[in-house]
PDB file of N, CA and C in Angstrom:
ATOM      1  N   MET A   1       1.799  16.021   6.698  1.00  0.00           N
ATOM      2  CA  MET A   1       3.109  16.045   7.262  1.00  0.00           C
ATOM      3  C   MET A   1       3.334  14.702   8.019  1.00  0.00           C
ATOM      4  N   TRP A   2       4.442  14.123   7.728  1.00  0.00           N
ATOM      5  CA  TRP A   2       4.715  12.786   8.297  1.00  0.00           C
ATOM      6  C   TRP A   2       5.566  12.835   9.566  1.00  0.00           C
ATOM      7  N   SER A   3       5.956  14.048   9.932  1.00  0.00           N
ATOM      8  CA  SER A   3       6.819  14.146  11.150  1.00  0.00           C
ATOM      9  C   SER A   3       6.460  15.420  11.925  1.00  0.00           C
ATOM     10  N   LYS A   4       6.808  15.322  13.218  1.00  0.00           N
ATOM     11  CA  LYS A   4       6.612  16.505  14.082  1.00  0.00           C
ATOM     12  C   LYS A   4       7.721  16.412  15.126  1.00  0.00           C
ATOM     13  N   GLY A   5       8.539  17.422  15.111  1.00  0.00           N
ATOM     14  CA  GLY A   5       9.708  17.399  16.068  1.00  0.00           C
ATOM     15  C   GLY A   5      10.570  16.247  15.749  1.00  0.00           C
ATOM     16  N   ARG A   6      10.898  15.462  16.730  1.00  0.00           N
ATOM     17  CA  ARG A   6      11.779  14.360  16.469  1.00  0.00           C
ATOM     18  C   ARG A   6      11.089  13.027  16.273  1.00  0.00           C
ATOM     19  N   VAL A   7       9.770  13.089  15.951  1.00  0.00           N
ATOM     20  CA  VAL A   7       8.965  11.869  15.715  1.00  0.00           C
ATOM     21  C   VAL A   7       8.627  11.832  14.207  1.00  0.00           C
ATOM     22  N   VAL A   8       8.821  10.713  13.564  1.00  0.00           N
ATOM     23  CA  VAL A   8       8.429  10.513  12.202  1.00  0.00           C
ATOM     24  C   VAL A   8       7.600   9.202  12.080  1.00  0.00           C
ATOM     25  N   LEU A   9       6.613   9.243  11.202  1.00  0.00           N
ATOM     26  CA  LEU A   9       5.758   8.081  10.978  1.00  0.00           C
ATOM     27  C   LEU A   9       6.343   7.276   9.834  1.00  0.00           C
ATOM     28  N   VAL A  10       6.245   5.914   9.927  1.00  0.00           N
ATOM     29  CA  VAL A  10       6.666   5.050   8.894  1.00  0.00           C
ATOM     30  C   VAL A  10       5.621   3.997   8.611  1.00  0.00           C
ATOM     31  N   GLY A  11       5.747   3.296   7.465  1.00  0.00           N
ATOM     32  CA  GLY A  11       4.899   2.161   7.182  1.00  0.00           C
ATOM     33  C   GLY A  11       3.391   2.552   7.084  1.00  0.00           C
ATOM     34  N   ASP A  12       2.553   1.651   7.559  1.00  0.00           N
ATOM     35  CA  ASP A  12       1.120   1.851   7.499  1.00  0.00           C
ATOM     36  C   ASP A  12       0.627   3.054   8.233  1.00  0.00           C
ATOM     37  N   ALA A  13       1.427   3.619   9.141  1.00  0.00           N
ATOM     38  CA  ALA A  13       1.027   4.819   9.903  1.00  0.00           C
ATOM     39  C   ALA A  13       0.887   5.989   9.026  1.00  0.00           C
ATOM     40  N   VAL A  14       1.550   5.994   7.841  1.00  0.00           N
ATOM     41  CA  VAL A  14       1.479   7.121   6.921  1.00  0.00           C
ATOM     42  C   VAL A  14       0.929   6.738   5.533  1.00  0.00           C
ATOM     43  N   HIS A  15       1.068   5.539   5.114  1.00  0.00           N
ATOM     44  CA  HIS A  15       0.558   5.196   3.782  1.00  0.00           C
ATOM     45  C   HIS A  15       0.199   3.695   3.752  1.00  0.00           C
ATOM     46  N   THR A  16      -1.056   3.471   3.995  1.00  0.00           N
ATOM     47  CA  THR A  16      -1.557   2.091   3.991  1.00  0.00           C
ATOM     48  C   THR A  16      -1.474   1.511   2.613  1.00  0.00           C
ATOM     49  N   ALA A  17      -1.064   0.258   2.579  1.00  0.00           N
ATOM     50  CA  ALA A  17      -0.968  -0.440   1.328  1.00  0.00           C
ATOM     51  C   ALA A  17      -2.225  -1.165   1.035  1.00  0.00           C
ATOM     52  N   ASN A  18      -2.535  -1.324  -0.204  1.00  0.00           N
ATOM     53  CA  ASN A  18      -3.716  -2.084  -0.600  1.00  0.00           C
ATOM     54  C   ASN A  18      -3.510  -3.575  -0.119  1.00  0.00           C
ATOM     55  N   PRO A  19      -4.447  -4.090   0.647  1.00  0.00           N
ATOM     56  CA  PRO A  19      -4.300  -5.475   1.185  1.00  0.00           C
ATOM     57  C   PRO A  19      -4.233  -6.536   0.095  1.00  0.00           C
ATOM     58  N   PHE A  20      -4.745  -6.255  -1.089  1.00  0.00           N
ATOM     59  CA  PHE A  20      -4.754  -7.289  -2.118  1.00  0.00           C
ATOM     60  C   PHE A  20      -3.432  -7.512  -2.727  1.00  0.00           C
ATOM     61  N   VAL A  21      -2.470  -6.624  -2.560  1.00  0.00           N
ATOM     62  CA  VAL A  21      -1.193  -6.740  -3.199  1.00  0.00           C
ATOM     63  C   VAL A  21      -0.071  -7.097  -2.200  1.00  0.00           C
ATOM     64  N   GLY A  22      -0.388  -7.115  -0.929  1.00  0.00           N
ATOM     65  CA  GLY A  22       0.597  -7.583   0.093  1.00  0.00           C
ATOM     66  C   GLY A  22       1.875  -6.806   0.185  1.00  0.00           C
ATOM     67  N   GLN A  23       1.831  -5.449   0.107  1.00  0.00           N
ATOM     68  CA  GLN A  23       3.025  -4.685   0.100  1.00  0.00           C
ATOM     69  C   GLN A  23       3.262  -3.924   1.407  1.00  0.00           C
ATOM     70  N   GLY A  24       2.481  -4.134   2.454  1.00  0.00           N
ATOM     71  CA  GLY A  24       2.609  -3.391   3.668  1.00  0.00           C
ATOM     72  C   GLY A  24       3.992  -3.565   4.366  1.00  0.00           C
ATOM     73  N   ALA A  25       4.464  -4.741   4.458  1.00  0.00           N
ATOM     74  CA  ALA A  25       5.806  -5.005   5.033  1.00  0.00           C
ATOM     75  C   ALA A  25       6.840  -4.452   4.174  1.00  0.00           C
ATOM     76  N   SER A  26       6.680  -4.552   2.855  1.00  0.00           N
ATOM     77  CA  SER A  26       7.716  -4.022   1.957  1.00  0.00           C
ATOM     78  C   SER A  26       7.851  -2.481   2.109  1.00  0.00           C
ATOM     79  N   TYR A  27       6.655  -1.828   2.165  1.00  0.00           N
ATOM     80  CA  TYR A  27       6.675  -0.377   2.355  1.00  0.00           C
ATOM     81  C   TYR A  27       7.365  -0.011   3.621  1.00  0.00           C
ATOM     82  N   SER A  28       7.096  -0.739   4.670  1.00  0.00           N
ATOM     83  CA  SER A  28       7.717  -0.431   5.965  1.00  0.00           C
ATOM     84  C   SER A  28       9.221  -0.611   5.969  1.00  0.00           C
ATOM     85  N   LEU A  29       9.685  -1.696   5.294  1.00  0.00           N
ATOM     86  CA  LEU A  29      11.098  -1.921   5.269  1.00  0.00           C
ATOM     87  C   LEU A  29      11.801  -0.866   4.363  1.00  0.00           C
ATOM     88  N   GLU A  30      11.147  -0.527   3.266  1.00  0.00           N
ATOM     89  CA  GLU A  30      11.705   0.604   2.429  1.00  0.00           C
ATOM     90  C   GLU A  30      11.794   1.893   3.191  1.00  0.00           C
ATOM     91  N   ASP A  31      10.730   2.240   4.014  1.00  0.00           N
ATOM     92  CA  ASP A  31      10.755   3.397   4.857  1.00  0.00           C
ATOM     93  C   ASP A  31      11.891   3.397   5.805  1.00  0.00           C
ATOM     94  N   ALA A  32      12.028   2.259   6.494  1.00  0.00           N
ATOM     95  CA  ALA A  32      13.083   2.152   7.513  1.00  0.00           C
ATOM     96  C   ALA A  32      14.489   2.317   6.886  1.00  0.00           C
ATOM     97  N   MET A  33      14.707   1.659   5.795  1.00  0.00           N
ATOM     98  CA  MET A  33      16.017   1.763   5.200  1.00  0.00           C
ATOM     99  C   MET A  33      16.249   3.250   4.678  1.00  0.00           C
ATOM    100  N   LEU A  34      15.304   3.863   4.127  1.00  0.00           N
ATOM    101  CA  LEU A  34      15.504   5.200   3.632  1.00  0.00           C
ATOM    102  C   LEU A  34      15.689   6.206   4.826  1.00  0.00           C
ATOM    103  N   ILE A  35      14.841   6.083   5.822  1.00  0.00           N
ATOM    104  CA  ILE A  35      15.008   7.035   7.032  1.00  0.00           C
ATOM    105  C   ILE A  35      16.394   6.763   7.659  1.00  0.00           C
ATOM    106  N   ALA A  36      16.890   5.564   7.749  1.00  0.00           N
ATOM    107  CA  ALA A  36      18.181   5.301   8.333  1.00  0.00           C
ATOM    108  C   ALA A  36      19.254   6.002   7.502  1.00  0.00           C
ATOM    109  N   LYS A  37      19.150   5.868   6.167  1.00  0.00           N
ATOM    110  CA  LYS A  37      20.142   6.510   5.283  1.00  0.00           C
ATOM    111  C   LYS A  37      20.052   8.040   5.442  1.00  0.00           C
ATOM    112  N   MET A  38      18.857   8.561   5.471  1.00  0.00           N
ATOM    113  CA  MET A  38      18.668  10.035   5.633  1.00  0.00           C
ATOM    114  C   MET A  38      19.298  10.514   6.946  1.00  0.00           C
ATOM    115  N   LEU A  39      19.026   9.798   8.011  1.00  0.00           N
ATOM    116  CA  LEU A  39      19.576  10.189   9.312  1.00  0.00           C
ATOM    117  C   LEU A  39      21.062  10.016   9.368  1.00  0.00           C
ATOM    118  N   ARG A  40      21.629   9.097   8.628  1.00  0.00           N
ATOM    119  CA  ARG A  40      23.090   8.989   8.569  1.00  0.00           C
ATOM    120  C   ARG A  40      23.722  10.192   7.905  1.00  0.00           C
ATOM    121  N   ASP A  41      22.996  10.725   6.901  1.00  0.00           N
ATOM    122  CA  ASP A  41      23.597  11.816   6.051  1.00  0.00           C
ATOM    123  C   ASP A  41      23.151  13.208   6.454  1.00  0.00           C
ATOM    124  N   HIS A  42      22.077  13.362   7.238  1.00  0.00           N
ATOM    125  CA  HIS A  42      21.549  14.699   7.510  1.00  0.00           C
ATOM    126  C   HIS A  42      21.082  14.717   8.951  1.00  0.00           C
ATOM    127  N   ASP A  43      20.876  16.024   9.406  1.00  0.00           N
ATOM    128  CA  ASP A  43      20.312  16.171  10.779  1.00  0.00           C
ATOM    129  C   ASP A  43      18.814  15.684  10.640  1.00  0.00           C
ATOM    130  N   TYR A  44      18.166  15.467  11.766  1.00  0.00           N
ATOM    131  CA  TYR A  44      16.825  14.849  11.685  1.00  0.00           C
ATOM    132  C   TYR A  44      15.794  15.688  10.913  1.00  0.00           C
ATOM    133  N   ARG A  45      15.910  17.001  11.003  1.00  0.00           N
ATOM    134  CA  ARG A  45      14.895  17.806  10.314  1.00  0.00           C
ATOM    135  C   ARG A  45      15.015  17.652   8.818  1.00  0.00           C
ATOM    136  N   ASP A  46      16.182  17.729   8.278  1.00  0.00           N
ATOM    137  CA  ASP A  46      16.422  17.529   6.859  1.00  0.00           C
ATOM    138  C   ASP A  46      16.123  16.025   6.475  1.00  0.00           C
ATOM    139  N   ALA A  47      16.541  15.115   7.306  1.00  0.00           N
ATOM    140  CA  ALA A  47      16.336  13.716   7.055  1.00  0.00           C
ATOM    141  C   ALA A  47      14.824  13.451   6.866  1.00  0.00           C
ATOM    142  N   PHE A  48      14.024  13.947   7.765  1.00  0.00           N
ATOM    143  CA  PHE A  48      12.557  13.668   7.714  1.00  0.00           C
ATOM    144  C   PHE A  48      11.989  14.387   6.481  1.00  0.00           C
ATOM    145  N   TYR A  49      12.449  15.529   6.112  1.00  0.00           N
ATOM    146  CA  TYR A  49      12.020  16.256   4.919  1.00  0.00           C
ATOM    147  C   TYR A  49      12.302  15.389   3.662  1.00  0.00           C
ATOM    148  N   TYR A  50      13.522  14.970   3.494  1.00  0.00           N
ATOM    149  CA  TYR A  50      13.913  14.168   2.315  1.00  0.00           C
ATOM    150  C   TYR A  50      13.180  12.839   2.305  1.00  0.00           C
ATOM    151  N   TYR A  51      13.076  12.264   3.445  1.00  0.00           N
ATOM    152  CA  TYR A  51      12.336  10.974   3.527  1.00  0.00           C
ATOM    153  C   TYR A  51      10.885  11.113   3.066  1.00  0.00           C
ATOM    154  N   GLU A  52      10.194  12.146   3.554  1.00  0.00           N
ATOM    155  CA  GLU A  52       8.829  12.302   3.125  1.00  0.00           C
ATOM    156  C   GLU A  52       8.676  12.611   1.663  1.00  0.00           C
ATOM    157  N   LYS A  53       9.573  13.484   1.196  1.00  0.00           N
ATOM    158  CA  LYS A  53       9.552  13.961  -0.212  1.00  0.00           C
ATOM    159  C   LYS A  53       9.754  12.715  -1.157  1.00  0.00           C
ATOM    160  N   ASP A  54      10.677  11.847  -0.844  1.00  0.00           N
ATOM    161  CA  ASP A  54      10.961  10.704  -1.638  1.00  0.00           C
ATOM    162  C   ASP A  54       9.839   9.663  -1.552  1.00  0.00           C
ATOM    163  N   ARG A  55       9.466   9.358  -0.355  1.00  0.00           N
ATOM    164  CA  ARG A  55       8.493   8.218  -0.114  1.00  0.00           C
ATOM    165  C   ARG A  55       7.053   8.613  -0.549  1.00  0.00           C
ATOM    166  N   ARG A  56       6.687   9.883  -0.365  1.00  0.00           N
ATOM    167  CA  ARG A  56       5.339  10.266  -0.741  1.00  0.00           C
ATOM    168  C   ARG A  56       5.088  10.008  -2.192  1.00  0.00           C
ATOM    169  N   LYS A  57       6.004  10.441  -3.023  1.00  0.00           N
ATOM    170  CA  LYS A  57       5.859  10.248  -4.486  1.00  0.00           C
ATOM    171  C   LYS A  57       5.756   8.772  -4.828  1.00  0.00           C
ATOM    172  N   ARG A  58       6.643   7.948  -4.271  1.00  0.00           N
ATOM    173  CA  ARG A  58       6.627   6.537  -4.568  1.00  0.00           C
ATOM    174  C   ARG A  58       5.329   5.884  -4.135  1.00  0.00           C
ATOM    175  N   THR A  59       4.888   6.142  -2.971  1.00  0.00           N
ATOM    176  CA  THR A  59       3.671   5.492  -2.473  1.00  0.00           C
ATOM    177  C   THR A  59       2.424   5.905  -3.171  1.00  0.00           C
ATOM    178  N   GLU A  60       2.398   7.179  -3.578  1.00  0.00           N
ATOM    179  CA  GLU A  60       1.252   7.667  -4.345  1.00  0.00           C
ATOM    180  C   GLU A  60       1.181   6.990  -5.726  1.00  0.00           C
ATOM    181  N   GLU A  61       2.383   6.857  -6.354  1.00  0.00           N
ATOM    182  CA  GLU A  61       2.384   6.173  -7.702  1.00  0.00           C
ATOM    183  C   GLU A  61       2.003   4.728  -7.560  1.00  0.00           C
ATOM    184  N   LEU A  62       2.525   3.996  -6.543  1.00  0.00           N
ATOM    185  CA  LEU A  62       2.209   2.619  -6.390  1.00  0.00           C
ATOM    186  C   LEU A  62       0.779   2.435  -5.965  1.00  0.00           C
ATOM    187  N   ASN A  63       0.232   3.264  -5.136  1.00  0.00           N
ATOM    188  CA  ASN A  63      -1.137   3.080  -4.714  1.00  0.00           C
ATOM    189  C   ASN A  63      -2.121   3.351  -5.882  1.00  0.00           C
ATOM    190  N   ALA A  64      -1.724   4.294  -6.774  1.00  0.00           N
ATOM    191  CA  ALA A  64      -2.552   4.515  -7.954  1.00  0.00           C
ATOM    192  C   ALA A  64      -2.539   3.285  -8.888  1.00  0.00           C
ATOM    193  N   LEU A  65      -1.357   2.615  -9.001  1.00  0.00           N
ATOM    194  CA  LEU A  65      -1.266   1.389  -9.756  1.00  0.00           C
ATOM    195  C   LEU A  65      -2.047   0.287  -9.099  1.00  0.00           C
ATOM    196  N   PHE A  66      -1.918   0.115  -7.839  1.00  0.00           N
ATOM    197  CA  PHE A  66      -2.631  -0.953  -7.105  1.00  0.00           C
ATOM    198  C   PHE A  66      -4.108  -0.687  -7.101  1.00  0.00           C
ATOM    199  N   GLN A  67      -4.586   0.552  -7.238  1.00  0.00           N
ATOM    200  CA  GLN A  67      -5.993   0.832  -7.280  1.00  0.00           C
ATOM    201  C   GLN A  67      -6.609   0.086  -8.478  1.00  0.00           C
ATOM    202  N   HIS A  68      -5.893   0.123  -9.590  1.00  0.00           N
ATOM    203  CA  HIS A  68      -6.351  -0.569 -10.806  1.00  0.00           C
ATOM    204  C   HIS A  68      -6.372  -2.096 -10.497  1.00  0.00           C
ATOM    205  N   ILE A  69      -5.372  -2.627  -9.842  1.00  0.00           N
ATOM    206  CA  ILE A  69      -5.363  -4.029  -9.507  1.00  0.00           C
ATOM    207  C   ILE A  69      -6.534  -4.412  -8.613  1.00  0.00           C
ATOM    208  N   SER A  70      -6.739  -3.545  -7.637  1.00  0.00           N
ATOM    209  CA  SER A  70      -7.853  -3.796  -6.694  1.00  0.00           C
ATOM    210  C   SER A  70      -9.172  -3.835  -7.382  1.00  0.00           C
ATOM    211  N   ILE A  71      -9.413  -2.938  -8.310  1.00  0.00           N
ATOM    212  CA  ILE A  71     -10.667  -2.927  -9.089  1.00  0.00           C
ATOM    213  C   ILE A  71     -10.764  -4.245  -9.877  1.00  0.00           C
ATOM    214  N   GLN A  72      -9.694  -4.640 -10.464  1.00  0.00           N
ATOM    215  CA  GLN A  72      -9.704  -5.893 -11.250  1.00  0.00           C
ATOM    216  C   GLN A  72      -9.977  -7.070 -10.373  1.00  0.00           C
ATOM    217  N   ASN A  73      -9.387  -7.070  -9.141  1.00  0.00           N
ATOM    218  CA  ASN A  73      -9.635  -8.151  -8.228  1.00  0.00           C
ATOM    219  C   ASN A  73     -11.085  -8.182  -7.790  1.00  0.00           C
ATOM    220  N   GLU A  74     -11.717  -7.033  -7.599  1.00  0.00           N
ATOM    221  CA  GLU A  74     -13.102  -6.984  -7.223  1.00  0.00           C
ATOM    222  C   GLU A  74     -13.998  -7.460  -8.339  1.00  0.00           C
ATOM    223  N   ILE A  75     -13.674  -7.171  -9.585  1.00  0.00           N
ATOM    224  CA  ILE A  75     -14.407  -7.628 -10.711  1.00  0.00           C
ATOM    225  C   ILE A  75     -14.258  -9.140 -10.788  1.00  0.00           C
ATOM    226  N   ASP A  76     -13.085  -9.640 -10.634  1.00  0.00           N
ATOM    227  CA  ASP A  76     -12.864 -11.092 -10.691  1.00  0.00           C
ATOM    228  C   ASP A  76     -13.634 -11.782  -9.578  1.00  0.00           C
ATOM    229  N   LYS A  77     -13.648 -11.220  -8.392  1.00  0.00           N
ATOM    230  CA  LYS A  77     -14.344 -11.787  -7.253  1.00  0.00           C
ATOM    231  C   LYS A  77     -15.837 -11.861  -7.572  1.00  0.00           C
ATOM    232  N   LYS A  78     -16.407 -10.765  -8.068  1.00  0.00           N
ATOM    233  CA  LYS A  78     -17.816 -10.722  -8.358  1.00  0.00           C
ATOM    234  C   LYS A  78     -18.157 -11.767  -9.522  1.00  0.00           C
ATOM    235  N   MET A  79     -17.277 -11.869 -10.445  1.00  0.00           N
ATOM    236  CA  MET A  79     -17.516 -12.865 -11.515  1.00  0.00           C
ATOM    237  C   MET A  79     -17.488 -14.251 -10.992  1.00  0.00           C
ATOM    238  N   ASN A  80     -16.593 -14.546 -10.008  1.00  0.00           N
ATOM    239  CA  ASN A  80     -16.512 -15.880  -9.445  1.00  0.00           C
ATOM    240  C   ASN A  80     -17.629 -16.200  -8.490  1.00  0.00           C
ATOM    241  N   GLU A  81     -18.283 -15.179  -7.920  1.00  0.00           N
ATOM    242  CA  GLU A  81     -19.355 -15.347  -6.958  1.00  0.00           C
ATOM    243  C   GLU A  81     -20.652 -15.765  -7.662  1.00  0.00           C
ATOM    244  N   TYR A  82     -20.792 -15.451  -8.869  1.00  0.00           N
ATOM    245  CA  TYR A  82     -22.014 -15.654  -9.634  1.00  0.00           C
ATOM    246  C   TYR A  82     -22.200 -17.169  -9.968  1.00  0.00           C
ATOM    247  N   THR A  83     -23.290 -17.716  -9.519  1.00  0.00           N
ATOM    248  CA  THR A  83     -23.609 -19.086  -9.883  1.00  0.00           C
ATOM    249  C   THR A  83     -25.045 -19.225 -10.348  1.00  0.00           C
ATOM    250  N   ILE A  84     -25.253 -20.231 -11.142  1.00  0.00           N
ATOM    251  CA  ILE A  84     -26.628 -20.514 -11.632  1.00  0.00           C
ATOM    252  C   ILE A  84     -27.008 -21.859 -11.065  1.00  0.00           C
ATOM    253  N   GLU A  85     -28.121 -21.848 -10.362  1.00  0.00           N
ATOM    254  CA  GLU A  85     -28.593 -23.135  -9.864  1.00  0.00           C
ATOM    255  C   GLU A  85     -29.604 -23.678 -10.758  1.00  0.00           C
ATOM    256  N   TRP A  86     -29.459 -24.910 -11.095  1.00  0.00           N
ATOM    257  CA  TRP A  86     -30.393 -25.640 -11.971  1.00  0.00           C
ATOM    258  C   TRP A  86     -31.316 -26.476 -11.136  1.00  0.00           C
ATOM    259  N   ALA A  87     -32.594 -26.411 -11.601  1.00  0.00           N
ATOM    260  CA  ALA A  87     -33.606 -27.268 -10.934  1.00  0.00           C
ATOM    261  C   ALA A  87     -33.317 -28.729 -11.352  1.00  0.00           C
ATOM    262  N   GLU A  88     -33.545 -29.650 -10.439  1.00  0.00           N
ATOM    263  CA  GLU A  88     -33.325 -31.011 -10.765  1.00  0.00           C
ATOM    264  C   GLU A  88     -34.346 -31.503 -11.798  1.00  0.00           C
ATOM    265  N   GLU A  89     -33.898 -32.249 -12.788  1.00  0.00           N
ATOM    266  CA  GLU A  89     -34.769 -32.749 -13.782  1.00  0.00           C
ATOM    267  C   GLU A  89     -35.388 -34.035 -13.348  1.00  0.00           C
ATOM    268  N   THR A  90     -36.649 -34.165 -13.651  1.00  0.00           N
ATOM    269  CA  THR A  90     -37.295 -35.439 -13.320  1.00  0.00           C
ATOM    270  C   THR A  90     -37.701 -36.160 -14.622  1.00  0.00           C
ATOM    271  N   TYR A  91     -37.439 -37.402 -14.641  1.00  0.00           N
ATOM    272  CA  TYR A  91     -37.754 -38.205 -15.813  1.00  0.00           C
ATOM    273  C   TYR A  91     -38.936 -39.119 -15.561  1.00  0.00           C
ATOM    274  N   VAL A  92     -39.791 -39.213 -16.475  1.00  0.00           N
ATOM    275  CA  VAL A  92     -41.008 -40.058 -16.272  1.00  0.00           C
ATOM    276  C   VAL A  92     -40.807 -41.314 -17.088  1.00  0.00           C
TER     277      VAL A  92
END
């Protein structure tokens, strides 16, 4: 539950974004815009309900997508970390 009484959580407080994709601020702005619209059109109880219903689905879908990206980033990182050191050759 993202709300209790007249308090509602937004942004990273309810759904942290994967740091590799840089969406934390975007999530927060989307939350703020939607909650403002819901509060304009509904009393706070209904507004919080509709806000959570809408945003939960979107963030779960995006986080599932970003999980794949995160895994790929980790693979790329591991691939780039691997180096082979060659012994110096000596010529006689």
